[in-house]
Amino acid sequence: MKSRLAVLAIGGNSLIKDKNHIALSWQYETLKETAKSIVDLIAEGLIMVITHGNGPQVGFIYRRGELARHELPLIPLDICGADTQGAIGYMIQKALLNEFRKRGIAKKVTTVVTQTIVDRNDPSFEYPTKPIGSFMSEEEALANKNELGWQVVEDAGRGFRRVVPSPIPIEIIELDVIRLLVERGYIVVAAGGGGIPVIRNEQGELEGVEAVIDKDLGSSLLARNLGADTFIILTAVDAVYLNFGKENEKPILRSTLPEIKQYMEEGHFKPGSMKPKIEAIIQFLEGGGRKAIITSPKILLRATKGETGTTITK
């Protein structure tokens, strides 16, 4: 299975073109375009497991909950994660199946609702940093802190926001199911949003937690556990850049593991942007993967051939 298996991660932000196109119907239109690029690879014989981000989508569910709090209880974050795995997984399935039909490709697609174990003693539970939900006044923030036990921070002069933990993913519960489906020839959508964050409590039972997992770290863990050959991250930019946003910015077409680690140490990749993607790729290559690619959906096929995008090898 390993030689032709790729894990491909679609960014949650990449489904939203701009603030005027946040509706699910628009997100599906964007996914239809991405599906064409993915099917190009599958048509060339690549075995594929697809993961996806869910940051904005969880934010939207959470915001709806905030607006409806006078009537309905807030939706816990693990359930928000499960909701988005179902919704985005469904849209990916539909887009791929329709594209397969157009091209006469006999392939099946399924989504696995995936739980990812995190350590209940992960430091991020003590020091949460991931902002979520709406901006609040100081008064609102303190009320939510006292009533609901929220951790809140002042966010760049724009108001207060809730912050939640983003623990490191350590085990994928449904790994055997995903592997079995891949072996049976399915295209599998799994580990959406890095997986639903769960811990093992003192009784050894699974318990959902109020946290979010980094999608790229979750995807990297899945790729390593499946023994994938290639790890692909689709994002809004065509390639990874040195000195990004500066006059002397320069795209990286090819790099090696030692080089990319050096660039990271030099501070070329920003936290919350490219840095977690590079960290995920480093983990993948150090864990036995052969190559990783970062690019945008529209040039995916050319990037896998090394013509564009960024390819990182051992």
Protein backbone atom coordinates (compact mmCIF):
# COMPACT_ATOMS: atom_id res chain seq x y z
CA MET A 1 0.00 0.00 0.00
CA LYS A 2 2.77 2.43 0.91
CA SER A 3 4.39 2.99 -2.47
CA ARG A 4 1.47 4.86 -4.07
CA LEU A 5 -0.41 6.15 -1.02
CA ALA A 6 -0.77 9.90 -0.54
CA VAL A 7 -2.45 11.74 2.31
CA LEU A 8 -3.82 15.05 1.02
CA ALA A 9 -4.91 17.81 3.43
CA ILE A 10 -7.37 20.46 2.22
CA GLY A 11 -7.27 23.71 4.22
CA GLY A 12 -10.56 24.79 5.83
CA ASN A 13 -9.78 28.38 4.86
CA SER A 14 -9.19 27.33 1.25
CA LEU A 15 -12.92 26.53 0.93
CA ILE A 16 -13.78 30.19 1.53
CA LYS A 17 -12.77 32.54 -1.30
CA ASP A 18 -13.60 35.74 0.62
CA LYS A 19 -16.00 37.13 3.23
CA ASN A 20 -18.80 37.41 0.64
CA HIS A 21 -18.63 33.68 -0.15
CA ILE A 22 -18.93 31.93 3.22
CA ALA A 23 -22.22 30.10 2.54
CA LEU A 24 -21.99 26.31 2.33
CA SER A 25 -23.19 26.48 -1.29
CA TRP A 26 -20.11 28.60 -2.14
CA GLN A 27 -17.82 26.29 -0.16
CA TYR A 28 -19.15 23.38 -2.23
CA GLU A 29 -18.48 25.26 -5.49
CA THR A 30 -14.86 25.73 -4.36
CA LEU A 31 -14.63 22.03 -3.44
CA LYS A 32 -15.87 21.05 -6.92
CA GLU A 33 -12.84 22.80 -8.41
CA THR A 34 -10.50 21.13 -5.90
CA ALA A 35 -12.10 17.76 -6.66
CA LYS A 36 -11.07 18.08 -10.33
CA SER A 37 -7.42 18.42 -9.29
CA ILE A 38 -7.68 15.50 -6.85
CA VAL A 39 -9.28 13.26 -9.50
CA ASP A 40 -6.42 14.16 -11.89
CA LEU A 41 -4.08 12.43 -9.41
CA ILE A 42 -6.38 9.47 -8.76
CA ALA A 43 -6.69 8.97 -12.54
CA GLU A 44 -2.89 8.62 -12.63
CA GLY A 45 -3.07 5.74 -10.15
CA LEU A 46 -2.46 7.46 -6.82
CA ILE A 47 -4.16 5.91 -3.77
CA MET A 48 -5.62 8.74 -1.72
CA VAL A 49 -6.68 9.52 1.83
CA ILE A 50 -8.11 13.04 2.15
CA THR A 51 -8.13 15.16 5.29
CA HIS A 52 -9.44 18.69 5.72
CA GLY A 53 -9.31 21.69 8.00
CA ASN A 54 -12.41 23.04 9.75
CA GLY A 55 -11.30 26.21 11.58
CA PRO A 56 -13.71 28.70 9.94
CA GLN A 57 -16.52 26.14 9.80
CA VAL A 58 -16.25 25.35 13.54
CA GLY A 59 -16.20 29.12 14.10
CA PHE A 60 -19.48 29.50 12.17
CA ILE A 61 -21.21 26.72 14.15
CA TYR A 62 -19.92 28.23 17.37
CA ARG A 63 -21.14 31.71 16.35
CA ARG A 64 -24.62 30.36 15.59
CA GLY A 65 -24.62 28.82 19.05
CA GLU A 66 -23.63 32.14 20.62
CA LEU A 67 -26.46 33.94 18.81
CA ALA A 68 -28.99 31.30 19.94
CA ARG A 69 -27.83 31.06 23.56
CA HIS A 70 -31.05 32.64 24.82
CA GLU A 71 -32.89 29.51 23.58
CA LEU A 72 -30.39 26.67 23.13
CA PRO A 73 -27.25 25.52 24.96
CA LEU A 74 -23.85 26.09 23.31
CA ILE A 75 -22.52 23.20 21.22
CA PRO A 76 -19.39 21.65 22.79
CA LEU A 77 -16.25 21.93 20.63
CA ASP A 78 -15.84 18.17 20.15
CA ILE A 79 -19.40 18.03 18.75
CA CYS A 80 -18.63 21.05 16.51
CA GLY A 81 -15.69 19.02 15.18
CA ALA A 82 -17.90 16.00 14.52
CA ASP A 83 -20.50 18.20 12.78
CA THR A 84 -17.90 19.64 10.40
CA GLN A 85 -16.40 16.21 9.65
CA GLY A 86 -19.85 15.07 8.52
CA ALA A 87 -20.69 18.20 6.52
CA ILE A 88 -17.34 18.74 4.80
CA GLY A 89 -16.87 14.98 4.30
CA TYR A 90 -20.27 14.82 2.58
CA MET A 91 -19.36 17.72 0.27
CA ILE A 92 -16.00 16.12 -0.64
CA GLN A 93 -17.71 12.76 -1.31
CA LYS A 94 -20.36 14.33 -3.52
CA ALA A 95 -17.84 16.44 -5.47
CA LEU A 96 -15.52 13.47 -6.07
CA LEU A 97 -18.30 11.03 -7.03
CA ASN A 98 -19.73 13.53 -9.53
CA GLU A 99 -16.27 14.10 -11.03
CA PHE A 100 -15.64 10.32 -11.21
CA ARG A 101 -18.96 9.89 -13.03
CA LYS A 102 -18.05 12.57 -15.59
CA ARG A 103 -14.77 10.80 -16.34
CA GLY A 104 -16.08 7.24 -16.23
CA ILE A 105 -13.92 6.29 -13.22
CA ALA A 106 -15.30 3.48 -11.04
CA LYS A 107 -14.18 4.57 -7.56
CA LYS A 108 -15.96 4.65 -4.20
CA VAL A 109 -15.58 7.38 -1.59
CA THR A 110 -16.48 7.32 2.10
CA THR A 111 -15.98 9.51 5.18
CA VAL A 112 -14.86 8.16 8.54
CA VAL A 113 -15.83 10.24 11.58
CA THR A 114 -12.44 10.21 13.28
CA GLN A 115 -11.48 10.65 16.94
CA THR A 116 -7.94 11.67 17.84
CA ILE A 117 -6.55 11.02 21.31
CA VAL A 118 -4.66 13.81 23.00
CA ASP A 119 -2.84 13.68 26.34
CA ARG A 120 -5.07 14.98 29.13
CA ASN A 121 -1.88 16.44 30.67
CA ASP A 122 -0.91 18.28 27.48
CA PRO A 123 0.48 21.72 28.50
CA SER A 124 -2.04 23.49 26.25
CA PHE A 125 -4.83 22.61 28.72
CA GLU A 126 -3.03 24.77 31.29
CA TYR A 127 -2.10 27.49 28.77
CA PRO A 128 -4.74 27.66 26.00
CA THR A 129 -3.85 29.95 23.08
CA LYS A 130 -6.28 29.24 20.22
CA PRO A 131 -8.88 32.04 19.88
CA ILE A 132 -12.42 30.96 19.00
CA GLY A 133 -15.84 32.56 18.74
CA SER A 134 -16.90 36.19 18.78
CA PHE A 135 -15.27 39.29 20.20
CA MET A 136 -16.70 40.31 23.58
CA SER A 137 -16.59 43.32 25.84
CA GLU A 138 -14.50 42.97 29.01
CA GLU A 139 -17.75 42.73 31.03
CA GLU A 140 -19.08 39.86 28.86
CA ALA A 141 -15.71 38.10 28.92
CA LEU A 142 -15.51 38.18 32.72
CA ALA A 143 -19.12 36.96 33.04
CA ASN A 144 -18.36 33.98 30.75
CA LYS A 145 -15.16 33.30 32.67
CA ASN A 146 -17.04 33.19 35.97
CA GLU A 147 -20.16 31.34 34.76
CA LEU A 148 -18.69 28.92 32.22
CA GLY A 149 -15.03 28.70 33.29
CA TRP A 150 -13.81 30.10 29.96
CA GLN A 151 -10.24 31.29 29.52
CA VAL A 152 -10.40 34.72 27.86
CA VAL A 153 -7.78 37.07 26.43
CA GLU A 154 -7.71 40.58 25.06
CA ASP A 155 -7.12 40.28 21.30
CA ALA A 156 -5.07 43.06 19.66
CA GLY A 157 -7.28 45.91 20.87
CA ARG A 158 -10.36 44.46 19.15
CA GLY A 159 -12.03 43.12 22.28
CA PHE A 160 -11.87 39.91 24.29
CA ARG A 161 -12.12 36.37 22.94
CA ARG A 162 -12.31 32.89 24.35
CA VAL A 163 -9.12 30.82 23.95
CA VAL A 164 -9.07 27.03 23.94
CA PRO A 165 -6.33 24.39 24.08
CA SER A 166 -4.71 23.02 20.90
CA PRO A 167 -3.11 19.80 22.18
CA ILE A 168 -0.71 17.58 20.21
CA PRO A 169 -2.46 14.61 18.50
CA ILE A 170 -1.04 11.27 19.63
CA GLU A 171 -3.35 8.44 18.46
CA ILE A 172 -6.07 7.98 15.84
CA ILE A 173 -8.85 5.72 17.15
CA GLU A 174 -10.27 4.71 13.74
CA LEU A 175 -6.87 4.00 12.12
CA ASP A 176 -7.60 0.30 11.45
CA VAL A 177 -10.93 1.13 9.78
CA ILE A 178 -9.28 3.75 7.55
CA ARG A 179 -6.51 1.29 6.60
CA LEU A 180 -9.03 -1.46 5.81
CA LEU A 181 -11.09 0.84 3.55
CA VAL A 182 -7.96 1.97 1.69
CA GLU A 183 -6.96 -1.67 1.15
CA ARG A 184 -10.45 -2.34 -0.24
CA GLY A 185 -9.96 0.43 -2.84
CA TYR A 186 -11.93 3.26 -1.25
CA ILE A 187 -10.94 6.91 -1.39
CA VAL A 188 -11.25 7.80 2.31
CA VAL A 189 -11.99 11.19 3.87
CA ALA A 190 -10.78 11.06 7.48
CA ALA A 191 -9.31 13.01 10.42
CA GLY A 192 -11.18 16.20 9.50
CA GLY A 193 -9.97 19.16 11.53
CA GLY A 194 -7.13 16.98 12.85
CA GLY A 195 -9.72 14.64 14.38
CA ILE A 196 -12.28 15.11 17.15
CA PRO A 197 -10.20 15.76 20.30
CA VAL A 198 -10.72 13.07 22.93
CA ILE A 199 -8.83 11.97 26.03
CA ARG A 200 -8.80 8.70 27.95
CA ASN A 201 -10.15 9.53 31.40
CA GLU A 202 -9.06 7.85 34.64
CA GLN A 203 -11.42 4.93 33.93
CA GLY A 204 -9.87 4.48 30.47
CA GLU A 205 -13.01 5.71 28.73
CA LEU A 206 -12.98 8.12 25.78
CA GLU A 207 -14.14 11.61 26.65
CA GLY A 208 -14.50 14.60 24.30
CA VAL A 209 -12.67 17.77 25.34
CA GLU A 210 -13.10 21.49 24.70
CA ALA A 211 -10.11 21.82 22.38
CA VAL A 212 -9.11 22.00 18.73
CA ILE A 213 -6.36 19.99 17.02
CA ASP A 214 -4.08 21.44 14.37
CA LYS A 215 -5.27 19.92 11.07
CA ASP A 216 -1.78 19.59 9.62
CA LEU A 217 -0.35 17.84 12.70
CA GLY A 218 -3.35 15.46 12.73
CA SER A 219 -2.91 14.78 9.00
CA SER A 220 0.82 14.16 9.48
CA LEU A 221 0.09 11.64 12.25
CA LEU A 222 -2.39 9.82 9.99
CA ALA A 223 0.08 9.81 7.07
CA ARG A 224 2.83 8.34 9.26
CA ASN A 225 0.53 5.71 10.79
CA LEU A 226 -0.68 4.61 7.35
CA GLY A 227 2.90 4.44 6.04
CA ALA A 228 2.09 6.94 3.27
CA ASP A 229 4.72 7.73 0.67
CA THR A 230 3.59 11.33 0.05
CA PHE A 231 1.98 14.04 2.20
CA ILE A 232 0.32 16.91 0.33
CA ILE A 233 -0.95 20.12 1.96
CA LEU A 234 -3.28 22.30 -0.13
CA THR A 235 -3.36 25.92 0.92
CA ALA A 236 -4.17 29.41 -0.42
CA VAL A 237 -0.65 30.07 -1.76
CA ASP A 238 1.04 28.27 -4.66
CA ALA A 239 4.29 27.56 -2.78
CA VAL A 240 6.29 28.14 0.40
CA TYR A 241 8.27 31.40 0.39
CA LEU A 242 11.39 32.65 2.07
CA ASN A 243 10.99 36.24 3.36
CA PHE A 244 7.23 35.97 2.69
CA GLY A 245 5.51 39.34 2.21
CA LYS A 246 8.79 41.22 1.87
CA GLU A 247 10.34 42.75 -1.24
CA ASN A 248 12.91 39.98 -1.45
CA GLU A 249 10.41 37.10 -1.06
CA LYS A 250 11.41 34.00 -2.97
CA PRO A 251 9.48 30.76 -3.62
CA ILE A 252 11.03 27.44 -2.63
CA LEU A 253 10.57 24.95 -5.48
CA ARG A 254 12.58 22.12 -3.94
CA SER A 255 14.04 21.62 -0.50
CA THR A 256 15.38 18.88 1.73
CA LEU A 257 14.57 18.07 5.35
CA PRO A 258 17.81 19.61 6.72
CA GLU A 259 17.32 22.77 4.61
CA ILE A 260 13.69 23.30 5.63
CA LYS A 261 14.62 22.84 9.31
CA GLN A 262 17.30 25.49 8.86
CA TYR A 263 14.81 27.90 7.26
CA MET A 264 12.41 27.33 10.18
CA GLU A 265 15.14 28.07 12.72
CA GLU A 266 15.88 31.31 10.83
CA GLY A 267 12.24 32.37 11.39
CA HIS A 268 10.97 32.30 7.81
CA PHE A 269 7.62 30.66 8.69
CA LYS A 270 4.98 32.40 10.79
CA PRO A 271 3.10 30.68 13.66
CA GLY A 272 -0.57 30.22 12.79
CA SER A 273 0.30 30.31 9.09
CA MET A 274 3.06 28.30 7.38
CA LYS A 275 4.96 27.18 10.50
CA PRO A 276 2.55 24.40 11.61
CA LYS A 277 2.51 23.06 8.04
CA ILE A 278 6.32 22.87 7.98
CA GLU A 279 6.36 21.26 11.46
CA ALA A 280 3.85 18.65 10.24
CA ILE A 281 6.00 17.90 7.19
CA ILE A 282 9.16 17.58 9.31
CA GLN A 283 7.36 15.04 11.53
CA PHE A 284 6.17 13.14 8.44
CA LEU A 285 9.63 12.95 6.81
CA GLU A 286 11.35 12.05 10.09
CA GLY A 287 8.68 9.37 10.63
CA GLY A 288 9.44 7.51 7.40
CA GLY A 289 7.67 9.52 4.67
CA ARG A 290 9.44 10.06 1.33
CA LYS A 291 8.23 13.46 0.14
CA ALA A 292 5.86 16.29 1.00
CA ILE A 293 4.27 18.94 -1.20
CA ILE A 294 2.72 22.31 -0.33
CA THR A 295 0.74 24.03 -3.09
CA SER A 296 -2.67 25.41 -4.09
CA PRO A 297 -5.47 23.23 -5.53
CA LYS A 298 -5.40 24.70 -9.03
CA ILE A 299 -1.79 23.63 -9.73
CA LEU A 300 -1.87 20.35 -7.78
CA LEU A 301 -1.08 17.99 -10.69
CA ARG A 302 1.86 20.09 -11.89
CA ALA A 303 3.14 20.36 -8.30
CA THR A 304 3.17 16.56 -7.90
CA LYS A 305 5.35 16.41 -11.02
CA GLY A 306 7.78 18.90 -9.46
CA GLU A 307 7.03 21.64 -12.01
CA THR A 308 5.67 24.13 -9.47
CA GLY A 309 4.64 24.36 -5.80
CA THR A 310 7.09 23.31 -3.07
CA THR A 311 8.43 19.75 -2.81
CA ILE A 312 10.37 18.74 0.32
CA THR A 313 12.27 15.43 0.44
CA LYS A 314 14.43 13.71 3.03
